[in-house]
Amino acid sequence: MKLINKLIVSTCFAMLLIGATPVLAQSKIGTVDLNRLFEEYWKTKQARTALNEQGAQYEKEIKGMVDQFKKDEEEYKSIQAAATDSAMSDAEREKKKSEAEKKLASLRDQDETIKKYQNQAQTRIADQRRRVRDNILGEIRKVVTAIARSGSYSLVLDVAGETVNNTPVVLFSTGENDITQSVLDQLNSSAPPEVTKEQEKDKTSSDKDKPAPKK
């Protein structure tokens, strides 16, 4: 009885494969390397430069605020020391004590302002980075879709994609239907002349750095 059941299961599985074969044969599957598309797209490099410049500006402003805080902190310590100086009169010490209290309150306000500004700057940069990433991925997807449709592909897979367990989504591909370069060429066709020249320069430098093939 067990043998009969195994034969039935094997027969059914074989029939499913036979039935699915025409569908698989008719399907045209393409691949892309999304990491490469994202990294080599001219808008990605441009956006990254802009974000780095914005981040550097925030850091410069925060450094200025911190430097001023340290300067005021030293001034507070000086006033605080004067407030306990026995060489001064009681009236002068009371005056210095009042100045020290006001300076300390100002330092606390400055500290809160710096922390708040740091958090706001980090949030702004993170939001800008996310928007840029989403916009660029959207543009890449449009080009991939257009090329896939013109090439009659029914499915395009990302060979650089990984699962939640950090394992490759695509375990094997011959690369014969890879459209990465076609997508990249179309994406970078709108690059300004100066960007194109820089890309060609980078490519030339990269080719020079590659080790010579073994004979």
Protein backbone atom coordinates (compact mmCIF):
# COMPACT_ATOMS: atom_id res chain seq x y z
CA MET A 1 0.00 0.00 0.00
CA LYS A 2 2.84 2.37 0.85
CA LEU A 3 4.49 1.57 -2.48
CA ILE A 4 1.26 2.38 -4.33
CA ASN A 5 0.96 5.71 -2.47
CA LYS A 6 4.54 6.61 -3.38
CA LEU A 7 3.90 5.79 -7.02
CA ILE A 8 0.77 7.97 -7.02
CA VAL A 9 2.63 10.91 -5.44
CA SER A 10 5.57 10.52 -7.87
CA THR A 11 3.19 10.36 -10.84
CA CYS A 12 1.29 13.46 -9.72
CA PHE A 13 4.55 15.40 -9.20
CA ALA A 14 5.79 14.40 -12.64
CA MET A 15 2.51 15.52 -14.20
CA LEU A 16 2.79 18.89 -12.44
CA LEU A 17 6.30 19.38 -13.81
CA ILE A 18 5.21 18.41 -17.31
CA GLY A 19 2.28 20.81 -17.11
CA ALA A 20 4.47 23.63 -15.83
CA THR A 21 7.21 23.17 -18.43
CA PRO A 22 5.45 25.07 -21.27
CA VAL A 23 4.76 27.98 -18.88
CA LEU A 24 8.40 28.11 -17.75
CA ALA A 25 9.60 27.82 -21.31
CA GLN A 26 7.45 30.76 -22.37
CA SER A 27 8.64 32.95 -19.48
CA LYS A 28 11.60 35.24 -20.06
CA ILE A 29 13.38 36.12 -16.84
CA GLY A 30 15.92 38.92 -16.62
CA THR A 31 18.30 40.00 -13.87
CA VAL A 32 19.81 43.24 -12.60
CA ASP A 33 22.35 44.16 -9.97
CA LEU A 34 20.43 46.79 -8.02
CA ASN A 35 23.42 47.70 -5.86
CA ARG A 36 25.45 48.53 -8.95
CA LEU A 37 22.60 50.50 -10.50
CA PHE A 38 22.18 52.54 -7.33
CA GLU A 39 25.90 53.18 -6.78
CA GLU A 40 26.78 54.00 -10.40
CA TYR A 41 23.76 56.17 -11.17
CA TRP A 42 25.02 59.75 -11.50
CA LYS A 43 22.21 61.16 -9.37
CA THR A 44 23.23 58.94 -6.45
CA LYS A 45 26.74 60.40 -6.36
CA GLN A 46 25.39 63.93 -6.77
CA ALA A 47 22.88 63.46 -3.95
CA ARG A 48 25.50 61.89 -1.68
CA THR A 49 27.81 64.87 -2.23
CA ALA A 50 24.98 67.29 -1.41
CA LEU A 51 24.08 65.36 1.75
CA ASN A 52 27.71 65.26 2.87
CA GLU A 53 28.00 69.01 2.35
CA GLN A 54 24.81 69.60 4.33
CA GLY A 55 26.08 67.32 7.10
CA ALA A 56 29.40 69.19 7.19
CA GLN A 57 27.52 72.49 7.49
CA TYR A 58 25.51 71.17 10.44
CA GLU A 59 28.71 69.93 12.10
CA LYS A 60 30.33 73.34 11.60
CA GLU A 61 27.35 75.10 13.19
CA ILE A 62 27.25 72.67 16.11
CA LYS A 63 31.01 73.06 16.66
CA GLY A 64 30.55 76.84 16.82
CA MET A 65 27.81 76.42 19.42
CA VAL A 66 29.94 74.00 21.47
CA ASP A 67 32.97 76.32 21.31
CA GLN A 68 30.84 79.21 22.57
CA PHE A 69 29.48 76.97 25.34
CA LYS A 70 33.02 76.10 26.48
CA LYS A 71 34.01 79.78 26.43
CA ASP A 72 30.98 80.73 28.53
CA GLU A 73 31.66 77.80 30.85
CA GLU A 74 35.17 79.12 31.55
CA GLU A 75 33.70 82.55 32.19
CA TYR A 76 31.22 81.01 34.63
CA LYS A 77 34.03 79.28 36.52
CA SER A 78 35.88 82.59 36.78
CA ILE A 79 32.81 84.38 38.13
CA GLN A 80 32.10 81.51 40.51
CA ALA A 81 35.64 81.73 41.87
CA ALA A 82 35.27 85.49 42.36
CA ALA A 83 32.02 84.94 44.25
CA THR A 84 33.95 83.01 46.93
CA ASP A 85 36.99 85.29 47.01
CA SER A 86 37.50 86.45 50.59
CA ALA A 87 39.49 89.46 49.38
CA MET A 88 36.29 90.96 47.98
CA SER A 89 33.66 92.77 50.00
CA ASP A 90 30.39 91.07 50.83
CA ALA A 91 28.56 93.30 48.36
CA GLU A 92 30.99 92.41 45.55
CA ARG A 93 30.74 88.70 46.35
CA GLU A 94 26.93 88.87 46.29
CA LYS A 95 27.08 90.62 42.95
CA LYS A 96 29.39 87.93 41.53
CA LYS A 97 27.17 85.21 42.99
CA SER A 98 24.15 86.68 41.18
CA GLU A 99 26.16 86.88 37.94
CA ALA A 100 27.25 83.24 38.36
CA GLU A 101 23.64 82.08 38.82
CA LYS A 102 22.55 83.89 35.67
CA LYS A 103 25.53 82.49 33.76
CA LEU A 104 24.74 78.97 34.96
CA ALA A 105 21.12 79.33 33.81
CA SER A 106 22.38 80.54 30.43
CA LEU A 107 24.72 77.54 30.17
CA ARG A 108 21.85 75.16 30.84
CA ASP A 109 19.78 76.83 28.12
CA GLN A 110 22.73 76.61 25.72
CA ASP A 111 23.19 72.92 26.50
CA GLU A 112 19.52 72.22 25.76
CA THR A 113 19.70 74.26 22.54
CA ILE A 114 22.77 72.34 21.33
CA LYS A 115 21.17 68.95 22.06
CA LYS A 116 17.94 69.99 20.36
CA TYR A 117 19.78 71.28 17.30
CA GLN A 118 21.87 68.10 17.06
CA ASN A 119 18.72 65.94 17.14
CA GLN A 120 16.99 68.12 14.54
CA ALA A 121 20.04 68.03 12.26
CA GLN A 122 20.27 64.24 12.49
CA THR A 123 16.54 63.92 11.76
CA ARG A 124 16.74 66.26 8.75
CA ILE A 125 19.70 64.40 7.25
CA ALA A 126 18.02 61.02 7.83
CA ASP A 127 14.78 62.25 6.21
CA GLN A 128 16.64 63.74 3.24
CA ARG A 129 18.66 60.55 2.78
CA ARG A 130 15.47 58.45 2.83
CA ARG A 131 13.68 60.70 0.34
CA VAL A 132 16.68 60.70 -2.01
CA ARG A 133 16.96 56.92 -1.79
CA ASP A 134 13.25 56.42 -2.49
CA ASN A 135 13.30 58.84 -5.43
CA ILE A 136 16.38 57.23 -7.00
CA LEU A 137 15.00 53.71 -6.56
CA GLY A 138 11.77 54.89 -8.15
CA GLU A 139 13.63 56.21 -11.18
CA ILE A 140 15.65 53.01 -11.49
CA ARG A 141 12.50 50.92 -11.31
CA LYS A 142 10.86 52.92 -14.10
CA VAL A 143 13.80 52.31 -16.43
CA VAL A 144 13.97 48.61 -15.49
CA THR A 145 10.24 48.29 -16.19
CA ALA A 146 10.51 50.03 -19.56
CA ILE A 147 13.45 47.89 -20.70
CA ALA A 148 11.83 44.71 -19.38
CA ARG A 149 8.63 45.41 -21.29
CA SER A 150 10.44 46.26 -24.51
CA GLY A 151 12.43 43.03 -24.17
CA SER A 152 9.33 40.96 -23.39
CA TYR A 153 10.60 39.93 -19.94
CA SER A 154 7.94 38.53 -17.65
CA LEU A 155 10.09 38.89 -14.55
CA VAL A 156 13.26 40.72 -13.50
CA LEU A 157 15.18 39.59 -10.40
CA ASP A 158 17.75 41.48 -8.36
CA VAL A 159 20.85 39.28 -8.14
CA ALA A 160 22.20 41.49 -5.34
CA GLY A 161 19.08 41.07 -3.22
CA GLU A 162 19.18 39.31 0.14
CA THR A 163 16.57 37.73 2.40
CA VAL A 164 15.88 38.79 6.00
CA ASN A 165 18.44 36.15 6.99
CA ASN A 166 21.14 37.85 4.87
CA THR A 167 21.20 35.00 2.34
CA PRO A 168 21.12 35.56 -1.44
CA VAL A 169 17.68 35.62 -3.06
CA VAL A 170 19.09 34.44 -6.39
CA LEU A 171 21.38 31.44 -5.89
CA PHE A 172 22.37 31.01 -9.53
CA SER A 173 22.20 32.94 -12.77
CA THR A 174 24.06 32.53 -16.05
CA GLY A 175 23.92 36.28 -16.55
CA GLU A 176 22.81 35.89 -20.16
CA ASN A 177 19.64 37.92 -19.54
CA ASP A 178 21.27 40.54 -17.31
CA ILE A 179 20.07 44.03 -18.25
CA THR A 180 22.07 45.98 -15.66
CA GLN A 181 24.30 47.73 -18.18
CA SER A 182 21.39 48.64 -20.44
CA VAL A 183 19.53 50.16 -17.49
CA LEU A 184 22.65 51.97 -16.31
CA ASP A 185 23.34 53.39 -19.77
CA GLN A 186 19.82 54.79 -19.98
CA LEU A 187 19.94 56.21 -16.45
CA ASN A 188 23.27 57.95 -17.06
CA SER A 189 22.31 59.21 -20.52
CA SER A 190 20.82 62.30 -18.83
CA ALA A 191 24.01 63.10 -16.88
CA PRO A 192 25.50 66.59 -17.40
CA PRO A 193 28.71 66.70 -19.52
CA GLU A 194 30.94 67.39 -16.51
CA VAL A 195 29.51 64.37 -14.68
CA THR A 196 30.02 62.16 -17.73
CA LYS A 197 33.65 63.23 -17.98
CA GLU A 198 34.18 62.48 -14.28
CA GLN A 199 32.61 59.04 -14.68
CA GLU A 200 34.87 58.25 -17.64
CA LYS A 201 37.87 59.40 -15.62
CA ASP A 202 36.87 57.17 -12.69
CA LYS A 203 36.35 54.21 -15.03
CA THR A 204 39.77 54.72 -16.61
CA SER A 205 41.42 54.87 -13.18
CA SER A 206 39.53 51.75 -12.10
CA ASP A 207 40.63 49.85 -15.21
CA LYS A 208 44.25 50.82 -14.57
CA ASP A 209 44.04 49.51 -11.00
CA LYS A 210 42.82 46.10 -12.13
CA PRO A 211 45.53 43.42 -12.08
CA ALA A 212 46.79 42.28 -15.47
CA PRO A 213 45.41 38.90 -16.62
CA LYS A 214 47.68 35.93 -16.09
CA LYS A 215 49.21 34.46 -19.26
